[in-house]
Amino acid sequence: MDANAIGQTFVQNESNTTSNHNNDDGDNDEPSSMTMSDNVTLIDVEDQLCLIWDISSETDVQQCLYELNADEIFINTVMRTENRRLAEISIGILGNLSHNDRISERIATNESFWLVTKHSFALSMFTAADIPFLIQLIRFLHINVHKKPEKWLSLIHEQRKFFIYQIEYLMANCLNVELLRLLLQYLNDVLYRDEELASQVLFTDDDDSNFITALCQACQQILTEIDDQDNDEEAIDTNRDVQFFHNFWFILEMVTRGINIDGHHRLPDCGNISELFIRFATGQSFIDFESSNSINSFSAACACLIRFIQQSDDVKNPKNISTIFQQTMTIDRLKLTFNKSLALLSDQQLPIHQDDDGLILRNLHANIDHLYRYLFSS
């Protein structure tokens, strides 16, 4: 496939589309997007775009499209098209092209894309209702926050309240687990890169934040679909299933860090958190003791549960708090997970996330040991 030929064809089609759009006198009832030119239909252009999408992850194709200023064309298409499929394909191609350093740099300096009126277009796309588009959008944003973190994190800071609200809305209302997995991965990476933003998630101008509730709903939605799968299909995408649960605990730990020193802010009831903790700690495949990522997330989960317990109205009555842990099978399996984790950490003290100030979380062993002693010492 000749990438240059495809690109030139699309450039010509885009020129024709612009001409048709500008010459529209408003009296024609037929949508102008239905015909790209006299001889090229929208379906033809979609087919050509899909070919570009398929090969746009290749470095030589990216170079060709860079020289054609294809990123500007696709950004313009996303910004003005009312056709959902064209928008999805275009943002998908932009995601692939963003792996190219020069293209990601040019995207980061595209004024029309970044222009902030009420909200920049780059973030306002979160309000889209089309799931396939949102999946590609999150992928695009995730790639670019890795390539140009200073630019994208600065934009998120400028529109922090809007960003948090849109993420919260998607987590609470989306039923598509592919989108939810991608969203949790993206959010985990954003908060990990920006500790200040993580500390502000629960402290918007609203009196009560529903962020934690929405986060739990997203996690539960993915678990529900996993439970609904046939036994033969349970092994499919195992890594992705496991990783979403790790991301959930990392996010929850980051946004609740320091919550104990804030006397006026209350965390939600810890019942849902306790249930999710048991599911994570006793599941057959969620914790791999040969994986440092699993131990890290288990430590984060322990730190989270302790914080929620400390905020509980029943904190003076541990028996009320830990009722959910009292089934014999649950206790035995939980103890097994704790003991394996503590034994592993006794041999090799592995730190979790690090930054310039040292460990973000306390020592892994301390997190796990703290919860173990609280739940099982009597």
Protein backbone atom coordinates (compact mmCIF):
# COMPACT_ATOMS: atom_id res chain seq x y z
CA MET A 1 0.00 0.00 0.00
CA ASP A 2 1.39 3.41 -1.05
CA ALA A 3 0.95 5.62 2.00
CA ASN A 4 1.80 8.74 0.04
CA ALA A 5 -0.91 8.03 -2.53
CA ILE A 6 -3.48 7.42 0.19
CA GLY A 7 -2.44 10.58 1.98
CA GLN A 8 -2.59 12.69 -1.16
CA THR A 9 -6.03 11.32 -1.97
CA PHE A 10 -7.30 12.22 1.47
CA VAL A 11 -5.76 15.69 1.28
CA GLN A 12 -7.66 16.25 -1.98
CA ASN A 13 -10.86 14.92 -0.45
CA GLU A 14 -10.42 17.21 2.53
CA SER A 15 -9.97 20.15 0.19
CA ASN A 16 -13.16 19.22 -1.62
CA THR A 17 -15.01 18.89 1.67
CA THR A 18 -13.89 22.36 2.73
CA SER A 19 -15.00 23.80 -0.58
CA ASN A 20 -18.38 22.13 -0.37
CA HIS A 21 -18.83 23.30 3.20
CA ASN A 22 -17.94 26.92 2.38
CA ASN A 23 -20.22 27.00 -0.67
CA ASP A 24 -23.24 25.66 1.20
CA ASP A 25 -25.95 28.34 1.08
CA GLY A 26 -28.04 26.62 3.75
CA ASP A 27 -30.94 25.85 1.43
CA ASN A 28 -29.92 22.30 0.71
CA ASP A 29 -31.62 19.83 3.04
CA GLU A 30 -29.08 17.10 2.26
CA PRO A 31 -26.16 16.90 4.72
CA SER A 32 -23.01 18.23 3.06
CA SER A 33 -20.94 15.45 4.67
CA MET A 34 -22.69 12.79 2.63
CA THR A 35 -20.67 13.61 -0.48
CA MET A 36 -16.97 14.40 -0.37
CA SER A 37 -16.74 15.23 -4.06
CA ASP A 38 -18.56 14.46 -7.29
CA ASN A 39 -16.90 11.06 -7.65
CA VAL A 40 -15.80 10.17 -4.13
CA THR A 41 -18.45 9.12 -1.63
CA LEU A 42 -18.18 9.17 2.13
CA ILE A 43 -17.92 5.37 2.13
CA ASP A 44 -14.93 5.59 -0.22
CA VAL A 45 -13.20 8.04 2.08
CA GLU A 46 -13.94 5.89 5.13
CA ASP A 47 -12.37 2.93 3.35
CA GLN A 48 -9.26 4.94 2.53
CA LEU A 49 -9.05 6.26 6.08
CA CYS A 50 -9.28 2.73 7.46
CA LEU A 51 -6.33 1.76 5.29
CA ILE A 52 -4.37 4.69 6.69
CA TRP A 53 -5.41 3.71 10.21
CA ASP A 54 -4.14 0.17 9.67
CA ILE A 55 -0.67 1.26 8.58
CA SER A 56 -0.27 4.53 10.52
CA SER A 57 1.61 2.81 13.36
CA GLU A 58 4.54 2.16 10.99
CA THR A 59 7.38 4.66 11.28
CA ASP A 60 7.83 5.22 7.54
CA VAL A 61 4.12 5.87 7.11
CA GLN A 62 4.18 8.30 10.03
CA GLN A 63 7.03 10.18 8.36
CA CYS A 64 5.08 10.38 5.12
CA LEU A 65 1.95 11.65 6.88
CA TYR A 66 4.02 14.13 8.87
CA GLU A 67 5.30 15.66 5.64
CA LEU A 68 1.72 15.91 4.38
CA ASN A 69 0.61 17.69 7.57
CA ALA A 70 -1.89 14.87 8.01
CA ASP A 71 -2.21 15.50 11.75
CA GLU A 72 -3.71 18.93 11.04
CA ILE A 73 -6.16 17.40 8.58
CA PHE A 74 -7.29 14.77 11.04
CA ILE A 75 -7.57 17.28 13.89
CA ASN A 76 -9.73 19.50 11.68
CA THR A 77 -11.86 16.50 10.75
CA VAL A 78 -12.42 15.58 14.39
CA MET A 79 -13.25 19.17 15.29
CA ARG A 80 -15.88 19.79 12.65
CA THR A 81 -17.33 16.51 11.40
CA GLU A 82 -20.74 15.39 12.60
CA ASN A 83 -20.11 11.88 11.31
CA ARG A 84 -19.26 9.63 14.25
CA ARG A 85 -17.39 7.07 12.19
CA LEU A 86 -15.14 9.69 10.59
CA ALA A 87 -14.44 11.16 14.01
CA GLU A 88 -13.56 7.74 15.44
CA ILE A 89 -11.23 6.86 12.56
CA SER A 90 -9.55 10.26 12.63
CA ILE A 91 -8.85 10.25 16.38
CA GLY A 92 -7.67 6.63 16.05
CA ILE A 93 -5.18 7.65 13.38
CA LEU A 94 -4.04 10.58 15.52
CA GLY A 95 -3.41 8.12 18.33
CA ASN A 96 -1.11 6.08 16.12
CA LEU A 97 0.63 9.16 14.75
CA SER A 98 1.23 10.49 18.26
CA HIS A 99 3.92 7.86 18.76
CA ASN A 100 6.01 9.98 16.39
CA ASP A 101 7.88 12.64 18.41
CA ARG A 102 7.56 15.37 15.79
CA ILE A 103 3.86 14.75 15.30
CA SER A 104 3.15 14.70 19.05
CA GLU A 105 5.06 17.97 19.32
CA ARG A 106 3.00 19.53 16.55
CA ILE A 107 -0.25 18.31 18.11
CA ALA A 108 0.83 19.89 21.39
CA THR A 109 1.23 23.26 19.65
CA ASN A 110 -1.92 23.19 17.50
CA GLU A 111 -3.63 26.43 18.53
CA SER A 112 -7.13 25.56 17.33
CA PHE A 113 -6.97 22.26 19.18
CA TRP A 114 -5.73 23.86 22.39
CA LEU A 115 -7.65 27.14 22.29
CA VAL A 116 -9.32 27.54 25.67
CA THR A 117 -12.69 29.26 25.58
CA LYS A 118 -14.84 27.64 28.22
CA HIS A 119 -12.98 24.35 27.77
CA SER A 120 -10.27 23.43 25.29
CA PHE A 121 -11.43 21.21 22.46
CA ALA A 122 -8.82 18.63 23.44
CA LEU A 123 -10.63 17.92 26.72
CA SER A 124 -14.17 18.86 25.66
CA MET A 125 -14.20 15.68 23.54
CA PHE A 126 -14.82 13.79 26.79
CA THR A 127 -18.44 14.88 26.49
CA ALA A 128 -18.96 12.80 23.34
CA ALA A 129 -21.66 10.14 23.56
CA ASP A 130 -20.17 7.69 21.05
CA ILE A 131 -18.39 4.79 22.77
CA PRO A 132 -16.07 3.80 19.86
CA PHE A 133 -14.95 7.43 19.61
CA LEU A 134 -14.35 7.68 23.36
CA ILE A 135 -12.25 4.50 23.32
CA GLN A 136 -9.97 5.97 20.66
CA LEU A 137 -9.98 9.36 22.40
CA ILE A 138 -8.73 7.92 25.68
CA ARG A 139 -6.07 5.98 23.82
CA PHE A 140 -5.01 9.20 22.05
CA LEU A 141 -4.89 11.18 25.31
CA HIS A 142 -2.97 8.42 27.07
CA ILE A 143 -0.29 8.28 24.40
CA ASN A 144 0.12 12.04 24.40
CA VAL A 145 0.36 12.42 28.17
CA HIS A 146 3.35 10.07 27.91
CA LYS A 147 4.90 11.97 25.01
CA LYS A 148 4.31 15.53 26.26
CA PRO A 149 3.36 15.29 29.94
CA GLU A 150 4.13 18.91 30.79
CA LYS A 151 1.72 20.20 28.15
CA TRP A 152 -1.15 17.82 28.80
CA LEU A 153 -0.92 17.90 32.60
CA SER A 154 -0.87 21.69 32.48
CA LEU A 155 -4.07 21.65 30.44
CA ILE A 156 -5.72 19.26 32.90
CA HIS A 157 -4.72 21.55 35.78
CA GLU A 158 -6.25 24.55 34.04
CA GLN A 159 -9.53 22.68 33.72
CA ARG A 160 -9.27 20.43 36.76
CA LYS A 161 -12.91 20.61 37.83
CA PHE A 162 -14.20 19.86 34.32
CA PHE A 163 -11.72 17.01 33.87
CA ILE A 164 -12.58 15.34 37.18
CA TYR A 165 -16.31 15.73 36.55
CA GLN A 166 -16.10 14.11 33.11
CA ILE A 167 -13.97 11.21 34.39
CA GLU A 168 -16.37 10.70 37.29
CA TYR A 169 -19.37 10.77 34.95
CA LEU A 170 -17.89 8.14 32.64
CA MET A 171 -16.94 5.85 35.51
CA ALA A 172 -20.43 6.08 37.00
CA ASN A 173 -22.44 5.70 33.80
CA CYS A 174 -20.43 3.73 31.25
CA LEU A 175 -21.25 0.03 30.78
CA ASN A 176 -18.54 -0.65 28.19
CA VAL A 177 -15.73 -2.47 29.97
CA GLU A 178 -13.14 -1.83 27.28
CA LEU A 179 -13.61 1.89 27.74
CA LEU A 180 -13.55 1.54 31.54
CA ARG A 181 -10.30 -0.44 31.49
CA LEU A 182 -8.64 2.16 29.27
CA LEU A 183 -10.02 4.97 31.41
CA LEU A 184 -8.63 3.50 34.64
CA GLN A 185 -5.23 2.97 33.03
CA TYR A 186 -5.18 6.54 31.72
CA LEU A 187 -6.33 8.03 35.03
CA ASN A 188 -3.77 6.00 37.00
CA ASP A 189 -0.96 7.28 34.79
CA VAL A 190 -2.16 10.90 34.97
CA LEU A 191 -2.42 10.88 38.78
CA TYR A 192 0.89 9.05 39.16
CA ARG A 193 2.60 11.76 37.12
CA ASP A 194 0.87 14.57 39.02
CA GLU A 195 0.65 14.06 42.78
CA GLU A 196 -0.81 17.54 43.25
CA LEU A 197 -3.74 16.71 40.97
CA ALA A 198 -4.30 13.41 42.80
CA SER A 199 -4.53 15.28 46.11
CA GLN A 200 -7.21 17.58 44.67
CA VAL A 201 -9.55 14.99 43.17
CA LEU A 202 -11.76 14.71 46.26
CA PHE A 203 -11.61 18.42 47.02
CA THR A 204 -13.48 20.15 44.23
CA ASP A 205 -15.78 23.11 44.86
CA ASP A 206 -18.64 20.70 45.46
CA ASP A 207 -19.41 19.87 49.07
CA ASP A 208 -19.67 16.16 48.39
CA SER A 209 -17.55 14.31 45.86
CA ASN A 210 -18.94 11.15 44.27
CA PHE A 211 -15.60 10.26 42.75
CA ILE A 212 -14.89 7.25 44.98
CA THR A 213 -18.40 5.90 44.48
CA ALA A 214 -18.03 6.25 40.71
CA LEU A 215 -14.61 4.59 40.81
CA CYS A 216 -16.08 1.62 42.69
CA GLN A 217 -18.96 1.43 40.19
CA ALA A 218 -16.52 1.24 37.30
CA CYS A 219 -14.55 -1.53 39.00
CA GLN A 220 -17.71 -3.46 39.83
CA GLN A 221 -18.98 -3.14 36.25
CA ILE A 222 -15.83 -4.81 34.93
CA LEU A 223 -16.05 -7.53 37.57
CA THR A 224 -19.69 -8.16 36.68
CA GLU A 225 -18.81 -8.77 33.05
CA ILE A 226 -15.99 -11.08 34.08
CA ASP A 227 -18.45 -13.03 36.24
CA ASP A 228 -20.90 -13.25 33.35
CA GLN A 229 -18.38 -14.85 31.01
CA ASP A 230 -18.59 -18.55 30.30
CA ASN A 231 -15.94 -20.70 31.97
CA ASP A 232 -14.18 -21.30 28.66
CA GLU A 233 -13.84 -17.55 28.12
CA GLU A 234 -12.56 -16.59 31.57
CA ALA A 235 -8.93 -16.87 30.52
CA ILE A 236 -9.36 -14.38 27.66
CA ASP A 237 -7.65 -11.03 28.27
CA THR A 238 -6.51 -12.18 31.70
CA ASN A 239 -3.75 -9.59 31.88
CA ARG A 240 -6.12 -6.76 31.10
CA ASP A 241 -8.61 -8.02 33.69
CA VAL A 242 -5.89 -8.19 36.34
CA GLN A 243 -4.40 -4.83 35.42
CA PHE A 244 -7.68 -2.95 35.79
CA PHE A 245 -7.89 -4.09 39.42
CA HIS A 246 -4.32 -2.92 40.07
CA ASN A 247 -5.17 0.44 38.52
CA PHE A 248 -8.28 0.72 40.71
CA TRP A 249 -6.28 0.34 43.94
CA PHE A 250 -3.47 2.64 42.80
CA ILE A 251 -6.01 5.37 41.95
CA LEU A 252 -7.90 4.94 45.21
CA GLU A 253 -4.69 5.06 47.23
CA MET A 254 -3.49 8.23 45.52
CA VAL A 255 -6.73 10.19 45.89
CA THR A 256 -7.20 9.22 49.56
CA ARG A 257 -3.60 9.81 50.59
CA GLY A 258 -3.53 12.40 53.37
CA ILE A 259 -7.26 12.11 53.96
CA ASN A 260 -6.75 11.38 57.67
CA ILE A 261 -5.43 14.87 58.35
CA ASP A 262 -8.53 16.48 56.85
CA GLY A 263 -11.05 16.61 59.65
CA HIS A 264 -14.07 17.90 57.72
CA HIS A 265 -14.01 15.53 54.74
CA ARG A 266 -15.67 12.15 55.16
CA LEU A 267 -15.02 9.08 53.05
CA PRO A 268 -17.95 6.92 51.94
CA ASP A 269 -18.97 3.87 53.94
CA CYS A 270 -16.26 1.22 53.65
CA GLY A 271 -18.64 -1.67 52.84
CA ASN A 272 -18.07 -1.62 49.08
CA ILE A 273 -14.34 -1.17 49.58
CA SER A 274 -14.23 -4.16 51.93
CA GLU A 275 -16.06 -6.34 49.42
CA LEU A 276 -13.76 -5.29 46.60
CA PHE A 277 -10.74 -5.89 48.82
CA ILE A 278 -11.87 -9.45 49.57
CA ARG A 279 -12.52 -10.10 45.88
CA PHE A 280 -9.05 -8.84 45.03
CA ALA A 281 -7.19 -10.60 47.84
CA THR A 282 -8.94 -13.96 47.50
CA GLY A 283 -9.43 -14.14 43.74
CA GLN A 284 -7.79 -16.92 41.81
CA SER A 285 -5.88 -14.73 39.36
CA PHE A 286 -5.78 -11.12 40.61
CA ILE A 287 -2.59 -11.37 42.68
CA ASP A 288 0.51 -12.98 41.25
CA PHE A 289 3.14 -13.35 43.97
CA GLU A 290 5.89 -13.40 41.35
CA SER A 291 4.85 -9.94 40.16
CA SER A 292 6.03 -6.82 41.96
CA ASN A 293 3.05 -4.98 40.46
CA SER A 294 0.69 -7.34 42.30
CA ILE A 295 2.46 -6.82 45.62
CA ASN A 296 2.46 -3.06 45.06
CA SER A 297 -1.27 -2.99 44.39
CA PHE A 298 -2.01 -5.28 47.34
CA SER A 299 -0.08 -2.89 49.57
CA ALA A 300 -2.08 0.02 48.12
CA ALA A 301 -5.31 -1.90 48.78
CA CYS A 302 -4.30 -2.48 52.40
CA ALA A 303 -3.47 1.21 52.86
CA CYS A 304 -6.85 2.18 51.38
CA LEU A 305 -8.86 -0.17 53.56
CA ILE A 306 -7.14 1.06 56.73
CA ARG A 307 -7.99 4.67 55.80
CA PHE A 308 -11.64 3.80 55.22
CA ILE A 309 -11.81 1.87 58.47
CA GLN A 310 -10.29 4.81 60.36
CA GLN A 311 -12.96 7.10 58.88
CA SER A 312 -15.77 4.69 59.71
CA ASP A 313 -18.40 5.64 62.29
CA ASP A 314 -17.82 2.19 63.79
CA VAL A 315 -14.09 2.70 64.30
CA LYS A 316 -14.50 2.15 68.03
CA ASN A 317 -16.17 -1.18 67.37
CA PRO A 318 -13.90 -3.26 65.11
CA LYS A 319 -16.32 -6.18 65.26
CA ASN A 320 -18.92 -4.16 63.33
CA ILE A 321 -16.37 -3.11 60.74
CA SER A 322 -14.90 -6.53 60.09
CA THR A 323 -18.15 -8.52 60.03
CA ILE A 324 -17.69 -9.09 56.32
CA PHE A 325 -14.38 -10.84 57.03
CA GLN A 326 -15.79 -13.38 59.48
CA GLN A 327 -16.63 -16.28 57.14
CA THR A 328 -14.16 -19.11 57.76
CA MET A 329 -13.26 -19.59 54.09
CA THR A 330 -12.71 -15.88 53.62
CA ILE A 331 -10.47 -15.63 56.68
CA ASP A 332 -8.36 -18.61 55.64
CA ARG A 333 -7.84 -17.34 52.12
CA LEU A 334 -7.14 -13.80 53.30
CA LYS A 335 -4.57 -15.02 55.79
CA LEU A 336 -2.90 -17.03 53.05
CA THR A 337 -2.57 -13.92 50.86
CA PHE A 338 -1.25 -11.83 53.73
CA ASN A 339 1.24 -14.47 54.82
CA LYS A 340 2.59 -15.00 51.30
CA SER A 341 2.98 -11.26 50.80
CA LEU A 342 4.70 -10.70 54.13
CA ALA A 343 7.01 -13.68 53.61
CA LEU A 344 8.01 -12.39 50.18
CA LEU A 345 8.68 -8.90 51.51
CA SER A 346 10.74 -10.27 54.37
CA ASP A 347 13.17 -11.61 51.78
CA GLN A 348 13.20 -8.57 49.49
CA GLN A 349 11.97 -5.14 50.55
CA LEU A 350 10.58 -3.83 47.28
CA PRO A 351 9.44 -0.19 47.22
CA ILE A 352 6.28 0.82 45.40
CA HIS A 353 6.05 4.09 43.41
CA GLN A 354 8.94 6.50 43.86
CA ASP A 355 9.47 10.17 43.13
CA ASP A 356 12.05 12.87 43.94
CA ASP A 357 10.90 12.97 47.55
CA GLY A 358 11.38 9.25 48.08
CA LEU A 359 8.63 6.69 48.66
CA ILE A 360 5.10 7.89 47.97
CA LEU A 361 3.57 5.00 49.85
CA ARG A 362 4.88 3.77 53.13
CA ASN A 363 6.92 0.62 53.13
CA LEU A 364 4.97 -2.21 51.50
CA HIS A 365 5.47 -4.45 54.47
CA ALA A 366 4.14 -1.80 56.87
CA ASN A 367 0.94 -1.31 54.86
CA ILE A 368 0.18 -5.01 54.69
CA ASP A 369 1.24 -5.75 58.27
CA HIS A 370 -0.88 -2.88 59.63
CA LEU A 371 -4.09 -4.23 58.12
CA TYR A 372 -3.19 -7.82 58.97
CA ARG A 373 -2.79 -6.97 62.65
CA TYR A 374 -6.03 -4.98 62.67
CA LEU A 375 -8.12 -7.71 61.08
CA PHE A 376 -6.68 -10.81 62.70
CA SER A 377 -5.11 -9.90 66.05
CA SER A 378 -7.37 -10.70 68.98
